[in-house]
Amino acid sequence: MVDTHGLVWYALERWKKLGKAARRVLSSADQGDAVVYVPTIVLVEIGELERLGRIRLRSGLRRWARELFSRNAFRPAELNVEVALKAHSLHQVQERGDRLIAATALHLDLPLITRDRALGTATGVRTIW
């Protein structure tokens, strides 16, 4: 599973901003050797970054997301009732998006590609960077 920063840097090919382990996992997904889940809230956050002009996806959000998910290596992790309820118990994480991302990782029992080690400490999510 990948958080917003990790997916943005992957999308913009800013490989040096990614940690070594994160690069390895995302490269493996590119080669079809791994599956990376993308919480739908991450797409919302990326859309906001693009709308605010902080990032520029060459093909725009809709087309970029369709292309990303057209490969089996990246799959959406939907926001559902179980994730929402799990997020409710993660009150120690201030930002709502981070709570939902962490809750999704916990719900699916997957490690999270994130540079935010505190997120893992606060929630018990295994992190990769």
N, C-alpha and C. Protein backbone atom coordinates (compact mmCIF):
# COMPACT_ATOMS: atom_id res chain seq x y z
N MET A 1 0.85 -1.16 0.00
CA MET A 1 0.00 0.00 0.00
C MET A 1 0.90 1.23 0.00
N VAL A 2 0.45 2.29 -0.65
CA VAL A 2 1.28 3.50 -0.78
C VAL A 2 0.49 4.72 -0.32
N ASP A 3 1.19 5.66 0.32
CA ASP A 3 0.55 6.90 0.74
C ASP A 3 0.71 7.96 -0.35
N THR A 4 0.22 9.15 -0.08
CA THR A 4 0.19 10.21 -1.08
C THR A 4 1.58 10.62 -1.55
N HIS A 5 2.49 10.91 -0.61
CA HIS A 5 3.84 11.33 -1.01
C HIS A 5 4.50 10.28 -1.88
N GLY A 6 4.43 9.04 -1.45
CA GLY A 6 5.07 7.97 -2.20
C GLY A 6 4.53 7.86 -3.62
N LEU A 7 3.21 7.95 -3.77
CA LEU A 7 2.63 7.81 -5.09
C LEU A 7 2.90 9.04 -5.96
N VAL A 8 2.89 10.22 -5.37
CA VAL A 8 3.20 11.44 -6.12
C VAL A 8 4.62 11.37 -6.65
N TRP A 9 5.56 11.02 -5.79
CA TRP A 9 6.96 10.97 -6.24
C TRP A 9 7.17 9.87 -7.27
N TYR A 10 6.45 8.78 -7.14
CA TYR A 10 6.49 7.73 -8.16
C TYR A 10 5.93 8.27 -9.48
N ALA A 11 4.76 8.91 -9.42
CA ALA A 11 4.10 9.41 -10.62
C ALA A 11 4.94 10.46 -11.35
N LEU A 12 5.63 11.29 -10.58
CA LEU A 12 6.44 12.36 -11.17
C LEU A 12 7.89 11.92 -11.43
N GLU A 13 8.16 10.64 -11.18
CA GLU A 13 9.48 10.04 -11.39
C GLU A 13 10.56 10.76 -10.60
N ARG A 14 10.24 11.13 -9.40
CA ARG A 14 11.22 11.74 -8.49
C ARG A 14 11.78 10.66 -7.58
N TRP A 15 12.49 9.74 -8.20
CA TRP A 15 12.99 8.54 -7.52
C TRP A 15 13.87 8.85 -6.32
N LYS A 16 14.67 9.91 -6.38
CA LYS A 16 15.59 10.23 -5.28
C LYS A 16 14.86 10.66 -4.02
N LYS A 17 13.62 11.10 -4.15
CA LYS A 17 12.85 11.48 -2.97
C LYS A 17 12.31 10.26 -2.22
N LEU A 18 12.26 9.13 -2.91
CA LEU A 18 11.76 7.90 -2.31
C LEU A 18 12.88 7.19 -1.55
N GLY A 19 12.53 6.55 -0.46
CA GLY A 19 13.49 5.72 0.25
C GLY A 19 13.86 4.50 -0.59
N LYS A 20 14.97 3.87 -0.25
CA LYS A 20 15.45 2.72 -1.04
C LYS A 20 14.43 1.59 -1.08
N ALA A 21 13.87 1.25 0.07
CA ALA A 21 12.89 0.15 0.11
C ALA A 21 11.63 0.52 -0.67
N ALA A 22 11.21 1.77 -0.58
CA ALA A 22 10.04 2.23 -1.33
C ALA A 22 10.30 2.13 -2.82
N ARG A 23 11.47 2.57 -3.26
CA ARG A 23 11.84 2.47 -4.68
C ARG A 23 11.81 1.02 -5.14
N ARG A 24 12.33 0.13 -4.31
CA ARG A 24 12.37 -1.30 -4.66
C ARG A 24 10.97 -1.85 -4.88
N VAL A 25 10.06 -1.55 -3.95
CA VAL A 25 8.69 -2.07 -4.06
C VAL A 25 8.00 -1.48 -5.29
N LEU A 26 8.11 -0.18 -5.49
CA LEU A 26 7.44 0.46 -6.63
C LEU A 26 8.04 0.00 -7.96
N SER A 27 9.34 -0.21 -7.99
CA SER A 27 9.99 -0.75 -9.20
C SER A 27 9.52 -2.17 -9.47
N SER A 28 9.37 -2.95 -8.42
CA SER A 28 8.86 -4.32 -8.58
C SER A 28 7.44 -4.29 -9.15
N ALA A 29 6.64 -3.35 -8.69
CA ALA A 29 5.28 -3.22 -9.22
C ALA A 29 5.34 -2.83 -10.70
N ASP A 30 6.23 -1.91 -11.05
CA ASP A 30 6.39 -1.50 -12.45
C ASP A 30 6.73 -2.69 -13.34
N GLN A 31 7.50 -3.61 -12.80
CA GLN A 31 7.92 -4.79 -13.57
C GLN A 31 6.91 -5.92 -13.50
N GLY A 32 5.82 -5.71 -12.76
CA GLY A 32 4.79 -6.74 -12.64
C GLY A 32 5.09 -7.81 -11.62
N ASP A 33 6.07 -7.55 -10.75
CA ASP A 33 6.47 -8.54 -9.75
C ASP A 33 5.88 -8.29 -8.37
N ALA A 34 5.11 -7.22 -8.23
CA ALA A 34 4.49 -6.89 -6.94
C ALA A 34 3.18 -6.17 -7.20
N VAL A 35 2.33 -6.16 -6.19
CA VAL A 35 1.07 -5.43 -6.26
C VAL A 35 1.10 -4.36 -5.19
N VAL A 36 0.73 -3.14 -5.56
CA VAL A 36 0.68 -2.03 -4.63
C VAL A 36 -0.76 -1.52 -4.60
N TYR A 37 -1.34 -1.47 -3.41
CA TYR A 37 -2.70 -0.95 -3.25
C TYR A 37 -2.64 0.55 -2.99
N VAL A 38 -3.61 1.25 -3.57
CA VAL A 38 -3.69 2.70 -3.46
C VAL A 38 -5.01 3.06 -2.78
N PRO A 39 -4.97 3.55 -1.53
CA PRO A 39 -6.21 3.97 -0.89
C PRO A 39 -6.89 5.08 -1.71
N THR A 40 -8.19 5.01 -1.86
CA THR A 40 -8.88 5.99 -2.68
C THR A 40 -8.71 7.41 -2.14
N ILE A 41 -8.51 7.57 -0.84
CA ILE A 41 -8.27 8.92 -0.29
C ILE A 41 -6.97 9.50 -0.86
N VAL A 42 -6.02 8.66 -1.22
CA VAL A 42 -4.78 9.13 -1.84
C VAL A 42 -5.09 9.80 -3.18
N LEU A 43 -6.02 9.23 -3.94
CA LEU A 43 -6.41 9.85 -5.21
C LEU A 43 -7.06 11.21 -4.97
N VAL A 44 -7.86 11.31 -3.92
CA VAL A 44 -8.48 12.59 -3.57
C VAL A 44 -7.39 13.62 -3.26
N GLU A 45 -6.40 13.23 -2.46
CA GLU A 45 -5.33 14.15 -2.09
C GLU A 45 -4.49 14.54 -3.30
N ILE A 46 -4.21 13.61 -4.19
CA ILE A 46 -3.45 13.93 -5.39
C ILE A 46 -4.25 14.88 -6.29
N GLY A 47 -5.54 14.65 -6.38
CA GLY A 47 -6.40 15.56 -7.14
C GLY A 47 -6.37 16.97 -6.58
N GLU A 48 -6.36 17.10 -5.26
CA GLU A 48 -6.28 18.42 -4.64
C GLU A 48 -4.93 19.08 -4.92
N LEU A 49 -3.85 18.31 -4.86
CA LEU A 49 -2.53 18.85 -5.16
C LEU A 49 -2.47 19.36 -6.60
N GLU A 50 -3.09 18.61 -7.51
CA GLU A 50 -3.09 19.05 -8.90
C GLU A 50 -3.97 20.29 -9.07
N ARG A 51 -5.12 20.29 -8.46
CA ARG A 51 -6.04 21.43 -8.58
C ARG A 51 -5.41 22.71 -8.04
N LEU A 52 -4.64 22.58 -6.97
CA LEU A 52 -3.97 23.74 -6.37
C LEU A 52 -2.69 24.13 -7.11
N GLY A 53 -2.31 23.36 -8.10
CA GLY A 53 -1.11 23.68 -8.88
C GLY A 53 0.19 23.26 -8.22
N ARG A 54 0.12 22.43 -7.20
CA ARG A 54 1.35 21.98 -6.52
C ARG A 54 2.06 20.87 -7.27
N ILE A 55 1.29 20.11 -8.05
CA ILE A 55 1.86 19.09 -8.93
C ILE A 55 1.17 19.19 -10.28
N ARG A 56 1.82 18.60 -11.28
CA ARG A 56 1.21 18.56 -12.61
C ARG A 56 1.37 17.15 -13.16
N LEU A 57 0.25 16.47 -13.32
CA LEU A 57 0.25 15.17 -13.96
C LEU A 57 0.08 15.40 -15.46
N ARG A 58 0.99 14.88 -16.25
CA ARG A 58 0.98 15.15 -17.69
C ARG A 58 -0.37 14.91 -18.35
N SER A 59 -1.03 13.84 -17.96
CA SER A 59 -2.29 13.48 -18.62
C SER A 59 -3.52 13.87 -17.79
N GLY A 60 -3.33 14.56 -16.69
CA GLY A 60 -4.45 14.91 -15.82
C GLY A 60 -4.81 13.75 -14.91
N LEU A 61 -5.49 14.05 -13.82
CA LEU A 61 -5.78 13.04 -12.79
C LEU A 61 -6.58 11.87 -13.33
N ARG A 62 -7.68 12.13 -14.01
CA ARG A 62 -8.56 11.05 -14.46
C ARG A 62 -7.82 10.06 -15.36
N ARG A 63 -7.14 10.57 -16.35
CA ARG A 63 -6.42 9.70 -17.29
C ARG A 63 -5.26 8.99 -16.60
N TRP A 64 -4.53 9.74 -15.77
CA TRP A 64 -3.39 9.15 -15.05
C TRP A 64 -3.86 7.99 -14.17
N ALA A 65 -4.97 8.19 -13.44
CA ALA A 65 -5.49 7.13 -12.56
C ALA A 65 -5.95 5.92 -13.37
N ARG A 66 -6.62 6.17 -14.48
CA ARG A 66 -7.05 5.05 -15.33
C ARG A 66 -5.84 4.25 -15.82
N GLU A 67 -4.80 4.96 -16.25
CA GLU A 67 -3.59 4.28 -16.72
C GLU A 67 -2.92 3.50 -15.58
N LEU A 68 -2.85 4.12 -14.39
CA LEU A 68 -2.24 3.46 -13.24
C LEU A 68 -2.95 2.14 -12.93
N PHE A 69 -4.29 2.18 -12.88
CA PHE A 69 -5.06 1.00 -12.49
C PHE A 69 -5.29 0.02 -13.64
N SER A 70 -4.93 0.42 -14.87
CA SER A 70 -5.09 -0.51 -15.99
C SER A 70 -4.06 -1.63 -15.91
N ARG A 71 -2.99 -1.37 -15.16
CA ARG A 71 -2.00 -2.42 -14.92
C ARG A 71 -2.41 -3.13 -13.64
N ASN A 72 -2.26 -4.41 -13.59
CA ASN A 72 -2.64 -5.14 -12.38
C ASN A 72 -1.71 -4.90 -11.21
N ALA A 73 -0.62 -4.20 -11.43
CA ALA A 73 0.36 -3.96 -10.37
C ALA A 73 -0.14 -2.93 -9.36
N PHE A 74 -1.06 -2.06 -9.75
CA PHE A 74 -1.62 -1.05 -8.86
C PHE A 74 -3.13 -1.28 -8.79
N ARG A 75 -3.64 -1.39 -7.56
CA ARG A 75 -5.06 -1.66 -7.38
C ARG A 75 -5.64 -0.69 -6.36
N PRO A 76 -6.86 -0.25 -6.59
CA PRO A 76 -7.49 0.66 -5.63
C PRO A 76 -7.88 -0.08 -4.35
N ALA A 77 -7.71 0.59 -3.24
CA ALA A 77 -8.18 0.10 -1.95
C ALA A 77 -9.30 1.04 -1.53
N GLU A 78 -10.52 0.55 -1.66
CA GLU A 78 -11.70 1.38 -1.47
C GLU A 78 -11.91 1.77 -0.02
N LEU A 79 -12.43 2.96 0.16
CA LEU A 79 -12.88 3.41 1.47
C LEU A 79 -14.22 2.74 1.72
N ASN A 80 -14.31 1.99 2.81
CA ASN A 80 -15.56 1.28 3.12
C ASN A 80 -15.89 1.46 4.60
N VAL A 81 -16.97 0.86 5.03
CA VAL A 81 -17.44 1.02 6.41
C VAL A 81 -16.39 0.53 7.40
N GLU A 82 -15.77 -0.60 7.14
CA GLU A 82 -14.78 -1.15 8.07
C GLU A 82 -13.60 -0.19 8.23
N VAL A 83 -13.15 0.38 7.13
CA VAL A 83 -12.03 1.33 7.17
C VAL A 83 -12.44 2.57 7.95
N ALA A 84 -13.64 3.08 7.69
CA ALA A 84 -14.11 4.28 8.41
C ALA A 84 -14.18 4.02 9.91
N LEU A 85 -14.66 2.86 10.30
CA LEU A 85 -14.76 2.54 11.73
C LEU A 85 -13.38 2.36 12.35
N LYS A 86 -12.49 1.74 11.62
CA LYS A 86 -11.12 1.57 12.12
C LYS A 86 -10.44 2.93 12.27
N ALA A 87 -10.67 3.83 11.31
CA ALA A 87 -10.08 5.17 11.38
C ALA A 87 -10.57 5.92 12.61
N HIS A 88 -11.79 5.68 13.00
CA HIS A 88 -12.36 6.34 14.18
C HIS A 88 -11.55 6.03 15.45
N SER A 89 -10.92 4.87 15.49
CA SER A 89 -10.14 4.49 16.67
C SER A 89 -8.70 5.01 16.61
N LEU A 90 -8.33 5.69 15.54
CA LEU A 90 -6.95 6.18 15.37
C LEU A 90 -6.88 7.68 15.65
N HIS A 91 -7.55 8.12 16.68
CA HIS A 91 -7.65 9.55 17.01
C HIS A 91 -6.29 10.20 17.29
N GLN A 92 -5.26 9.40 17.57
CA GLN A 92 -3.94 9.97 17.84
C GLN A 92 -3.29 10.55 16.57
N VAL A 93 -3.82 10.20 15.39
CA VAL A 93 -3.34 10.75 14.12
C VAL A 93 -4.21 11.96 13.80
N GLN A 94 -3.61 13.13 13.77
CA GLN A 94 -4.36 14.37 13.63
C GLN A 94 -5.05 14.52 12.27
N GLU A 95 -4.35 14.22 11.20
CA GLU A 95 -4.89 14.48 9.86
C GLU A 95 -5.83 13.35 9.42
N ARG A 96 -7.02 13.74 8.98
CA ARG A 96 -8.04 12.76 8.58
C ARG A 96 -7.54 11.85 7.45
N GLY A 97 -6.89 12.41 6.44
CA GLY A 97 -6.40 11.59 5.34
C GLY A 97 -5.42 10.53 5.81
N ASP A 98 -4.51 10.92 6.70
CA ASP A 98 -3.55 9.96 7.25
C ASP A 98 -4.25 8.87 8.05
N ARG A 99 -5.28 9.25 8.82
CA ARG A 99 -6.05 8.25 9.58
C ARG A 99 -6.68 7.24 8.64
N LEU A 100 -7.26 7.73 7.55
CA LEU A 100 -7.92 6.82 6.60
C LEU A 100 -6.92 5.93 5.88
N ILE A 101 -5.76 6.48 5.54
CA ILE A 101 -4.72 5.68 4.90
C ILE A 101 -4.22 4.59 5.86
N ALA A 102 -3.95 4.98 7.10
CA ALA A 102 -3.50 4.00 8.09
C ALA A 102 -4.57 2.94 8.35
N ALA A 103 -5.82 3.36 8.45
CA ALA A 103 -6.91 2.42 8.68
C ALA A 103 -7.04 1.44 7.52
N THR A 104 -6.82 1.91 6.31
CA THR A 104 -6.89 1.03 5.14
C THR A 104 -5.77 -0.01 5.20
N ALA A 105 -4.57 0.43 5.55
CA ALA A 105 -3.44 -0.51 5.68
C ALA A 105 -3.72 -1.54 6.77
N LEU A 106 -4.26 -1.10 7.89
CA LEU A 106 -4.58 -2.04 8.97
C LEU A 106 -5.69 -3.00 8.54
N HIS A 107 -6.71 -2.47 7.89
CA HIS A 107 -7.83 -3.30 7.45
C HIS A 107 -7.37 -4.40 6.49
N LEU A 108 -6.47 -4.05 5.58
CA LEU A 108 -5.98 -5.03 4.60
C LEU A 108 -4.75 -5.79 5.09
N ASP A 109 -4.26 -5.42 6.29
CA ASP A 109 -3.07 -6.04 6.87
C ASP A 109 -1.88 -5.98 5.91
N LEU A 110 -1.64 -4.75 5.41
CA LEU A 110 -0.54 -4.52 4.48
C LEU A 110 0.41 -3.47 5.04
N PRO A 111 1.70 -3.58 4.72
CA PRO A 111 2.63 -2.50 5.08
C PRO A 111 2.33 -1.27 4.23
N LEU A 112 2.73 -0.12 4.72
CA LEU A 112 2.45 1.15 4.05
C LEU A 112 3.75 1.80 3.60
N ILE A 113 3.83 2.12 2.32
CA ILE A 113 4.97 2.88 1.80
C ILE A 113 4.72 4.33 2.20
N THR A 114 5.50 4.81 3.17
CA THR A 114 5.36 6.17 3.67
C THR A 114 6.67 6.64 4.27
N ARG A 115 6.93 7.92 4.15
CA ARG A 115 8.11 8.50 4.80
C ARG A 115 7.79 8.88 6.24
N ASP A 116 6.53 8.83 6.62
CA ASP A 116 6.06 9.26 7.93
C ASP A 116 6.13 8.10 8.93
N ARG A 117 7.29 7.93 9.54
CA ARG A 117 7.46 6.84 10.51
C ARG A 117 6.56 7.01 11.73
N ALA A 118 6.25 8.24 12.07
CA ALA A 118 5.37 8.50 13.21
C ALA A 118 3.99 7.91 12.97
N LEU A 119 3.56 7.88 11.73
CA LEU A 119 2.26 7.30 11.40
C LEU A 119 2.24 5.83 11.79
N GLY A 120 3.30 5.12 11.50
CA GLY A 120 3.38 3.71 11.89
C GLY A 120 3.44 3.54 13.39
N THR A 121 4.20 4.41 14.05
CA THR A 121 4.31 4.34 15.50
C THR A 121 2.97 4.59 16.18
N ALA A 122 2.23 5.55 15.67
CA ALA A 122 0.95 5.93 16.29
C ALA A 122 -0.14 4.89 16.05
N THR A 123 -0.05 4.17 14.93
CA THR A 123 -1.16 3.29 14.55
C THR A 123 -0.84 1.81 14.59
N GLY A 124 0.44 1.46 14.62
CA GLY A 124 0.82 0.05 14.55
C GLY A 124 0.95 -0.46 13.13
N VAL A 125 0.85 0.43 12.13
CA VAL A 125 1.02 0.05 10.74
C VAL A 125 2.50 -0.22 10.48
N ARG A 126 2.78 -1.30 9.79
CA ARG A 126 4.17 -1.56 9.36
C ARG A 126 4.46 -0.61 8.20
N THR A 127 5.62 0.05 8.25
CA THR A 127 5.96 1.02 7.22
C THR A 127 7.18 0.57 6.43
N ILE A 128 7.22 1.04 5.19
CA ILE A 128 8.35 0.82 4.29
C ILE A 128 8.78 2.17 3.78
N TRP A 129 10.07 2.43 3.82
CA TRP A 129 10.60 3.63 3.20
C TRP A 129 12.01 3.38 2.74
